[in-house]
Amino acid sequence: MKSMLKIIHKSVLKELFITFVLTLTFLNSILMMEKLLRLSRVLSGVGASVLDMIKIILYLQPQLLLLTIPMSLLLSILLIYGRMNMDNEIVILKVCGMNFKGISLPAMVLGLTCFVVALTVSFYLGPKSSIKLREEITAIIAERSALSIEEGTFNTSFKDIVIIVKGKKSSDTLEKIFIHDNRKKGEPRVLMAKEGRIYVQDELKIGLLLTDGYINLTKGSNTTELFFDRYKMTLSLGNESPSAKKAEFTPSELARKASEADTYKKKTSFYLELHRRFSLPFICLVLIFLGTPFSLLSGKSGRLGGLALGLLIFTFYYMALIYSENLVMTGKMPHYIGSWIPTAILGVLAFLLFRKESSR
């Protein structure tokens, strides 16, 4: 009997795991597209290679996994146990003497594994990958931004700036430079310089050190001309940083930053990020007890019913999370309550449903 139960559990766990991996891959691909599109607008301007983009895709994964692991866990449980219920396999297992806890054991094993992996991602892999992502993008900009400026052609890689150079002494040194700077609307300026050197300044910004030139400033009908020996410009490739700063901090660093913050908004934002590092992995444990009872409701409507129900649950969860965090940011609720309300609601619902199903 025990060997038969072991075979059944292994079979269900294998099916759960395969569905989980496929769902995780699909969700990561969907969420990654938006981030890649945003970054590609920046990196294509400096000629990032295919290898560069592959590295960036890999560094993006831990940030996405924190969101997609719980969602994939719930969807895989709903799909597999819903299919088992539709095929009357759960009824057969109950007739054979297996209680609901025993039927849910494969989901518990997968859920605990997801919890451990999510904690690892939240505490270690996520911050490390965020730092690596920023360093990789900075390295790409440092190496390729100067290469993107070609002799005798209009370069528009930098926001609201057009650059034309007559020659290049080296990979980062330009000769006879003409620049039209329209970053300050209504006050365009034209710069000409004998020479310029490109260097990395900060993340998506690089510096251009011009020597021996002049600036023509236009404001309305007034024109001003200034001559300079040395002039520093900041060139921006985009408005967004390659990764959120808070994503680079470990939980202990977030707690320290929160205690050192000098304003309520900064302190609260760090505390919310800290709570999120715990609550998102913890939701995997809640979904163990929520997914299996819910799958019995969605099973009669097939796989589409399980998919729709799973998306509905997570839509509610993330909407409640955003709403409660907004209440925290406005000072209407303590951070330690607002961060955990959505998880607590799902936890109570999971407990009641699992208890009800186990008592049948």
Protein backbone atom coordinates (compact mmCIF):
# COMPACT_ATOMS: atom_id res chain seq x y z
CA MET A 1 0.00 0.00 0.00
CA LYS A 2 2.80 2.40 0.95
CA SER A 3 4.66 1.69 -2.29
CA MET A 4 1.49 2.39 -4.26
CA LEU A 5 1.00 5.71 -2.44
CA LYS A 6 4.61 6.57 -3.15
CA ILE A 7 4.13 5.88 -6.86
CA ILE A 8 0.97 8.02 -6.94
CA HIS A 9 2.68 10.90 -5.14
CA LYS A 10 5.70 10.73 -7.44
CA SER A 11 3.48 10.70 -10.51
CA VAL A 12 1.45 13.73 -9.36
CA LEU A 13 4.60 15.58 -8.25
CA LYS A 14 6.25 14.95 -11.63
CA GLU A 15 3.20 16.31 -13.45
CA LEU A 16 3.09 19.30 -11.11
CA PHE A 17 6.78 20.03 -11.62
CA ILE A 18 6.60 19.87 -15.44
CA THR A 19 3.54 22.16 -15.48
CA PHE A 20 5.26 24.51 -13.02
CA VAL A 21 8.41 24.80 -15.16
CA LEU A 22 6.42 25.42 -18.35
CA THR A 23 4.23 28.03 -16.63
CA LEU A 24 7.25 29.71 -15.05
CA THR A 25 9.02 29.91 -18.42
CA PHE A 26 5.94 31.37 -20.09
CA LEU A 27 5.30 34.00 -17.39
CA ASN A 28 8.97 35.01 -17.25
CA SER A 29 9.01 35.45 -21.02
CA ILE A 30 5.91 37.65 -20.92
CA LEU A 31 7.19 39.87 -18.10
CA MET A 32 10.69 40.02 -19.56
CA MET A 33 9.47 41.42 -22.90
CA GLU A 34 8.48 44.76 -21.37
CA LYS A 35 11.83 45.16 -19.59
CA LEU A 36 13.79 44.14 -22.68
CA LEU A 37 11.90 46.57 -24.90
CA ARG A 38 12.68 49.39 -22.49
CA LEU A 39 16.36 48.47 -22.24
CA SER A 40 16.75 47.76 -25.96
CA ARG A 41 15.80 51.35 -26.78
CA VAL A 42 18.81 52.42 -24.75
CA LEU A 43 21.29 49.69 -25.66
CA SER A 44 20.54 49.57 -29.38
CA GLY A 45 21.73 53.15 -29.58
CA VAL A 46 25.21 52.11 -28.44
CA GLY A 47 25.33 48.91 -30.51
CA ALA A 48 24.87 46.21 -27.86
CA SER A 49 25.65 42.74 -29.23
CA VAL A 50 23.53 39.57 -29.02
CA LEU A 51 25.85 38.26 -26.28
CA ASP A 52 25.30 41.45 -24.29
CA MET A 53 21.51 41.01 -24.52
CA ILE A 54 21.77 37.34 -23.43
CA LYS A 55 23.69 38.40 -20.32
CA ILE A 56 21.08 41.03 -19.53
CA ILE A 57 18.28 38.46 -19.94
CA LEU A 58 20.02 36.16 -17.44
CA TYR A 59 20.52 38.98 -14.91
CA LEU A 60 16.84 39.92 -15.21
CA GLN A 61 15.59 36.45 -14.26
CA PRO A 62 15.94 36.61 -10.42
CA GLN A 63 14.00 39.89 -10.31
CA LEU A 64 11.15 38.25 -12.23
CA LEU A 65 11.24 34.96 -10.33
CA LEU A 66 10.13 36.62 -7.12
CA LEU A 67 6.84 37.43 -8.84
CA THR A 68 6.45 34.45 -11.15
CA ILE A 69 7.32 31.60 -8.73
CA PRO A 70 4.14 32.04 -6.58
CA MET A 71 1.98 32.59 -9.65
CA SER A 72 3.38 29.51 -11.42
CA LEU A 73 2.92 27.44 -8.26
CA LEU A 74 -0.77 28.34 -7.98
CA LEU A 75 -1.47 27.82 -11.68
CA SER A 76 0.26 24.43 -11.75
CA ILE A 77 -1.74 23.24 -8.69
CA LEU A 78 -5.02 24.48 -10.16
CA LEU A 79 -4.33 22.93 -13.56
CA ILE A 80 -3.14 19.50 -12.35
CA TYR A 81 -5.56 19.00 -9.46
CA GLY A 82 -8.37 20.46 -11.55
CA ARG A 83 -7.61 17.91 -14.26
CA MET A 84 -7.52 15.13 -11.66
CA ASN A 85 -10.89 16.24 -10.30
CA MET A 86 -12.42 16.43 -13.78
CA ASP A 87 -11.19 12.88 -14.50
CA ASN A 88 -12.57 11.70 -11.11
CA GLU A 89 -9.08 10.69 -9.96
CA ILE A 90 -9.49 12.55 -6.66
CA VAL A 91 -12.75 10.69 -6.00
CA ILE A 92 -10.98 7.37 -6.68
CA LEU A 93 -8.13 8.29 -4.30
CA LYS A 94 -10.63 9.16 -1.56
CA VAL A 95 -12.49 5.87 -2.11
CA CYS A 96 -9.16 4.05 -1.74
CA GLY A 97 -8.76 5.59 1.70
CA MET A 98 -6.47 8.57 1.01
CA ASN A 99 -7.47 11.71 2.92
CA PHE A 100 -7.27 15.21 1.47
CA LYS A 101 -3.97 15.95 3.21
CA GLY A 102 -2.44 12.89 1.55
CA ILE A 103 -3.85 13.94 -1.82
CA SER A 104 -2.34 17.42 -1.33
CA LEU A 105 1.11 16.09 -0.31
CA PRO A 106 2.74 16.57 -3.80
CA ALA A 107 1.50 20.19 -3.83
CA MET A 108 2.99 20.68 -0.35
CA VAL A 109 6.38 19.35 -1.48
CA LEU A 110 6.40 21.65 -4.53
CA GLY A 111 5.18 24.59 -2.44
CA LEU A 112 7.90 24.15 0.19
CA THR A 113 10.53 23.91 -2.56
CA CYS A 114 9.19 27.12 -4.14
CA PHE A 115 9.28 28.80 -0.72
CA VAL A 116 12.97 27.94 -0.23
CA VAL A 117 13.88 29.00 -3.78
CA ALA A 118 11.92 32.26 -3.46
CA LEU A 119 13.66 33.05 -0.16
CA THR A 120 17.04 32.43 -1.79
CA VAL A 121 16.11 34.72 -4.68
CA SER A 122 14.74 37.39 -2.31
CA PHE A 123 17.68 37.38 0.10
CA TYR A 124 20.66 36.67 -2.15
CA LEU A 125 20.20 36.10 -5.89
CA GLY A 126 17.91 39.10 -6.46
CA PRO A 127 20.26 41.77 -5.00
CA LYS A 128 23.31 40.17 -6.64
CA SER A 129 21.67 40.02 -10.07
CA SER A 130 20.48 43.64 -9.78
CA ILE A 131 24.03 44.78 -9.10
CA LYS A 132 25.37 42.65 -11.96
CA LEU A 133 22.70 44.04 -14.29
CA ARG A 134 23.68 47.62 -13.52
CA GLU A 135 27.38 46.83 -13.90
CA GLU A 136 26.78 45.05 -17.22
CA ILE A 137 24.78 47.94 -18.68
CA THR A 138 27.38 50.44 -17.46
CA ALA A 139 30.14 48.33 -19.05
CA ILE A 140 28.24 48.18 -22.36
CA ILE A 141 27.77 51.94 -22.36
CA ALA A 142 31.43 52.50 -21.46
CA GLU A 143 32.67 50.20 -24.20
CA ARG A 144 30.26 50.95 -27.02
CA SER A 145 28.89 54.48 -26.63
CA ALA A 146 31.94 56.04 -28.31
CA LEU A 147 31.89 53.35 -31.01
CA SER A 148 28.29 54.28 -31.88
CA ILE A 149 29.45 57.76 -32.97
CA GLU A 150 30.64 57.40 -36.56
CA GLU A 151 32.56 59.95 -38.56
CA GLY A 152 30.55 62.23 -40.83
CA THR A 153 27.11 60.91 -39.73
CA PHE A 154 24.32 62.30 -37.56
CA ASN A 155 24.26 60.51 -34.20
CA THR A 156 20.98 60.65 -32.24
CA SER A 157 21.72 57.99 -29.59
CA PHE A 158 21.60 60.58 -26.82
CA LYS A 159 18.34 62.11 -25.68
CA ASP A 160 17.53 65.44 -27.44
CA ILE A 161 21.08 65.76 -28.77
CA VAL A 162 22.50 65.47 -32.30
CA ILE A 163 26.26 64.94 -32.68
CA ILE A 164 28.43 65.11 -35.80
CA VAL A 165 32.18 64.46 -35.72
CA LYS A 166 34.71 64.83 -38.51
CA GLY A 167 37.21 62.31 -37.17
CA LYS A 168 38.26 60.05 -34.30
CA LYS A 169 41.72 59.95 -32.75
CA SER A 170 40.89 56.82 -30.77
CA SER A 171 37.85 54.82 -29.65
CA ASP A 172 36.93 57.44 -27.01
CA THR A 173 38.45 60.65 -28.46
CA LEU A 174 36.59 62.66 -31.09
CA GLU A 175 37.83 65.45 -33.38
CA LYS A 176 36.08 68.55 -34.79
CA ILE A 177 32.74 68.13 -33.04
CA PHE A 178 29.41 69.79 -33.81
CA ILE A 179 26.57 69.35 -31.27
CA HIS A 180 22.97 70.57 -31.35
CA ASP A 181 21.57 70.41 -27.80
CA ASN A 182 17.78 70.76 -27.51
CA ARG A 183 17.34 69.37 -23.98
CA LYS A 184 16.18 72.73 -22.66
CA LYS A 185 13.04 73.38 -24.68
CA GLY A 186 12.86 76.86 -26.20
CA GLU A 187 16.56 77.45 -25.52
CA PRO A 188 18.56 75.40 -28.06
CA ARG A 189 22.31 75.60 -28.01
CA VAL A 190 24.97 74.79 -30.56
CA LEU A 191 28.43 73.66 -29.48
CA MET A 192 31.56 73.31 -31.57
CA ALA A 193 34.86 71.98 -30.25
CA LYS A 194 38.23 70.96 -31.59
CA GLU A 195 38.31 67.77 -29.54
CA GLY A 196 36.20 65.74 -27.11
CA ARG A 197 36.68 62.69 -24.90
CA ILE A 198 33.85 60.33 -23.85
CA TYR A 199 33.84 58.71 -20.38
CA VAL A 200 31.34 56.89 -18.18
CA GLN A 201 29.68 59.16 -15.64
CA ASP A 202 26.85 57.26 -14.00
CA GLU A 203 24.74 54.28 -15.19
CA LEU A 204 22.78 55.48 -18.24
CA LYS A 205 24.69 58.75 -18.36
CA ILE A 206 28.07 59.36 -19.91
CA GLY A 207 30.25 62.46 -19.90
CA LEU A 208 31.73 64.36 -22.84
CA LEU A 209 34.74 66.55 -22.08
CA LEU A 210 35.11 69.17 -24.82
CA THR A 211 38.22 71.25 -25.34
CA ASP A 212 38.91 74.45 -27.33
CA GLY A 213 35.48 75.46 -28.59
CA TYR A 214 32.49 77.74 -28.22
CA ILE A 215 28.77 77.65 -27.34
CA ASN A 216 26.00 79.50 -29.16
CA LEU A 217 22.98 80.05 -26.87
CA THR A 218 19.59 81.16 -28.23
CA LYS A 219 16.76 82.43 -26.04
CA GLY A 220 13.93 84.08 -27.91
CA SER A 221 15.48 86.79 -30.07
CA ASN A 222 18.67 86.95 -28.00
CA THR A 223 21.84 85.07 -28.95
CA THR A 224 24.88 84.61 -26.73
CA GLU A 225 28.25 83.20 -27.77
CA LEU A 226 30.70 81.81 -25.21
CA PHE A 227 34.23 80.51 -25.78
CA PHE A 228 35.79 77.84 -23.57
CA ASP A 229 39.00 75.90 -23.09
CA ARG A 230 37.30 72.97 -21.32
CA TYR A 231 33.58 72.16 -21.08
CA LYS A 232 31.88 69.11 -19.54
CA MET A 233 28.57 67.78 -20.87
CA THR A 234 26.33 65.04 -19.54
CA LEU A 235 24.77 62.83 -22.22
CA SER A 236 21.76 60.75 -21.23
CA LEU A 237 20.69 57.60 -23.10
CA GLY A 238 17.31 57.41 -21.35
CA ASN A 239 15.26 58.51 -18.38
CA GLU A 240 15.25 55.24 -16.43
CA SER A 241 17.93 53.56 -14.39
CA PRO A 242 18.77 49.99 -15.46
CA SER A 243 17.62 48.66 -12.09
CA ALA A 244 15.81 49.97 -9.07
CA LYS A 245 18.22 50.92 -6.27
CA LYS A 246 16.22 49.13 -3.57
CA ALA A 247 16.44 45.89 -5.55
CA GLU A 248 20.21 45.85 -4.95
CA PHE A 249 19.95 45.80 -1.16
CA THR A 250 19.76 42.68 1.00
CA PRO A 251 17.09 42.57 3.75
CA SER A 252 19.62 43.61 6.42
CA GLU A 253 20.73 46.55 4.27
CA LEU A 254 17.10 47.57 3.70
CA ALA A 255 16.47 47.55 7.47
CA ARG A 256 19.57 49.71 8.02
CA LYS A 257 18.60 52.11 5.25
CA ALA A 258 15.11 52.43 6.71
CA SER A 259 16.45 53.25 10.16
CA GLU A 260 18.83 55.86 8.68
CA ALA A 261 16.24 57.50 6.39
CA ASP A 262 15.54 61.14 7.21
CA THR A 263 12.03 61.38 5.75
CA TYR A 264 8.85 59.36 6.25
CA LYS A 265 8.54 58.60 2.53
CA LYS A 266 12.07 57.18 2.24
CA LYS A 267 11.77 55.22 5.48
CA THR A 268 8.42 53.73 4.44
CA SER A 269 9.60 52.79 0.95
CA PHE A 270 12.53 50.83 2.40
CA TYR A 271 10.27 49.10 4.94
CA LEU A 272 7.76 48.16 2.23
CA GLU A 273 10.52 46.65 0.11
CA LEU A 274 11.78 44.74 3.18
CA HIS A 275 8.33 43.31 3.93
CA ARG A 276 7.89 42.38 0.26
CA ARG A 277 11.08 40.30 0.42
CA PHE A 278 9.40 38.16 3.09
CA SER A 279 5.75 38.25 2.01
CA LEU A 280 6.27 37.16 -1.62
CA PRO A 281 8.13 33.94 -0.66
CA PHE A 282 5.70 33.34 2.23
CA ILE A 283 2.71 33.44 -0.13
CA CYS A 284 4.02 30.14 -1.57
CA LEU A 285 3.13 28.45 1.74
CA VAL A 286 -0.35 29.99 1.66
CA LEU A 287 -0.92 28.81 -1.91
CA ILE A 288 -0.28 25.19 -0.89
CA PHE A 289 -3.48 25.23 1.16
CA LEU A 290 -5.37 27.56 -1.17
CA GLY A 291 -4.65 25.90 -4.51
CA THR A 292 -5.83 22.36 -3.83
CA PRO A 293 -9.31 23.28 -2.48
CA PHE A 294 -9.79 25.85 -5.25
CA SER A 295 -8.82 23.28 -7.88
CA LEU A 296 -11.92 21.27 -6.99
CA LEU A 297 -14.01 24.32 -7.90
CA SER A 298 -12.22 24.91 -11.21
CA GLY A 299 -11.87 21.25 -12.17
CA LYS A 300 -15.33 20.90 -13.69
CA SER A 301 -14.60 23.72 -16.12
CA GLY A 302 -11.32 22.21 -17.34
CA ARG A 303 -7.86 23.76 -17.70
CA LEU A 304 -9.18 27.15 -18.82
CA GLY A 305 -11.18 27.34 -15.61
CA GLY A 306 -8.05 26.74 -13.52
CA LEU A 307 -6.07 29.29 -15.51
CA ALA A 308 -8.80 31.92 -15.18
CA LEU A 309 -9.22 31.27 -11.45
CA GLY A 310 -5.47 31.48 -10.83
CA LEU A 311 -5.17 34.78 -12.69
CA LEU A 312 -8.20 36.12 -10.80
CA ILE A 313 -6.64 35.25 -7.43
CA PHE A 314 -3.36 36.93 -8.29
CA THR A 315 -5.11 39.96 -9.75
CA PHE A 316 -6.91 40.36 -6.43
CA TYR A 317 -3.67 39.80 -4.48
CA TYR A 318 -1.58 42.35 -6.38
CA MET A 319 -4.38 44.95 -6.46
CA ALA A 320 -4.83 44.56 -2.68
CA LEU A 321 -1.05 44.76 -2.20
CA ILE A 322 -0.75 47.96 -4.23
CA TYR A 323 -3.77 49.52 -2.49
CA SER A 324 -2.54 48.68 1.02
CA GLU A 325 0.99 49.92 0.21
CA ASN A 326 -0.49 53.21 -1.04
CA LEU A 327 -2.33 53.53 2.28
CA VAL A 328 0.99 52.99 4.05
CA MET A 329 2.75 55.63 1.92
CA THR A 330 0.04 58.18 2.76
CA GLY A 331 0.41 57.46 6.48
CA LYS A 332 -3.04 55.92 6.94
CA MET A 333 -1.71 52.51 7.96
CA PRO A 334 1.49 51.16 9.61
CA HIS A 335 3.90 49.48 7.20
CA TYR A 336 3.93 46.18 9.13
CA ILE A 337 0.14 45.90 8.74
CA GLY A 338 -0.33 47.21 5.21
CA SER A 339 2.37 44.96 3.78
CA TRP A 340 0.78 41.78 5.12
CA ILE A 341 -2.98 42.40 4.76
CA PRO A 342 -3.34 40.73 1.29
CA THR A 343 -1.30 37.71 2.45
CA ALA A 344 -3.36 37.46 5.66
CA ILE A 345 -6.64 37.55 3.70
CA LEU A 346 -5.51 34.73 1.41
CA GLY A 347 -4.11 32.86 4.41
CA VAL A 348 -7.43 32.90 6.30
CA LEU A 349 -9.31 31.89 3.14
CA ALA A 350 -6.84 29.04 2.50
CA PHE A 351 -7.14 27.79 6.08
CA LEU A 352 -10.95 27.73 5.97
CA LEU A 353 -11.17 26.05 2.55
CA PHE A 354 -8.51 23.43 3.32
CA ARG A 355 -10.08 22.65 6.68
CA LYS A 356 -13.52 22.31 5.10
CA GLU A 357 -12.23 20.01 2.35
CA SER A 358 -10.23 17.90 4.81
CA SER A 359 -13.30 17.32 7.00
CA ARG A 360 -15.32 15.80 4.15
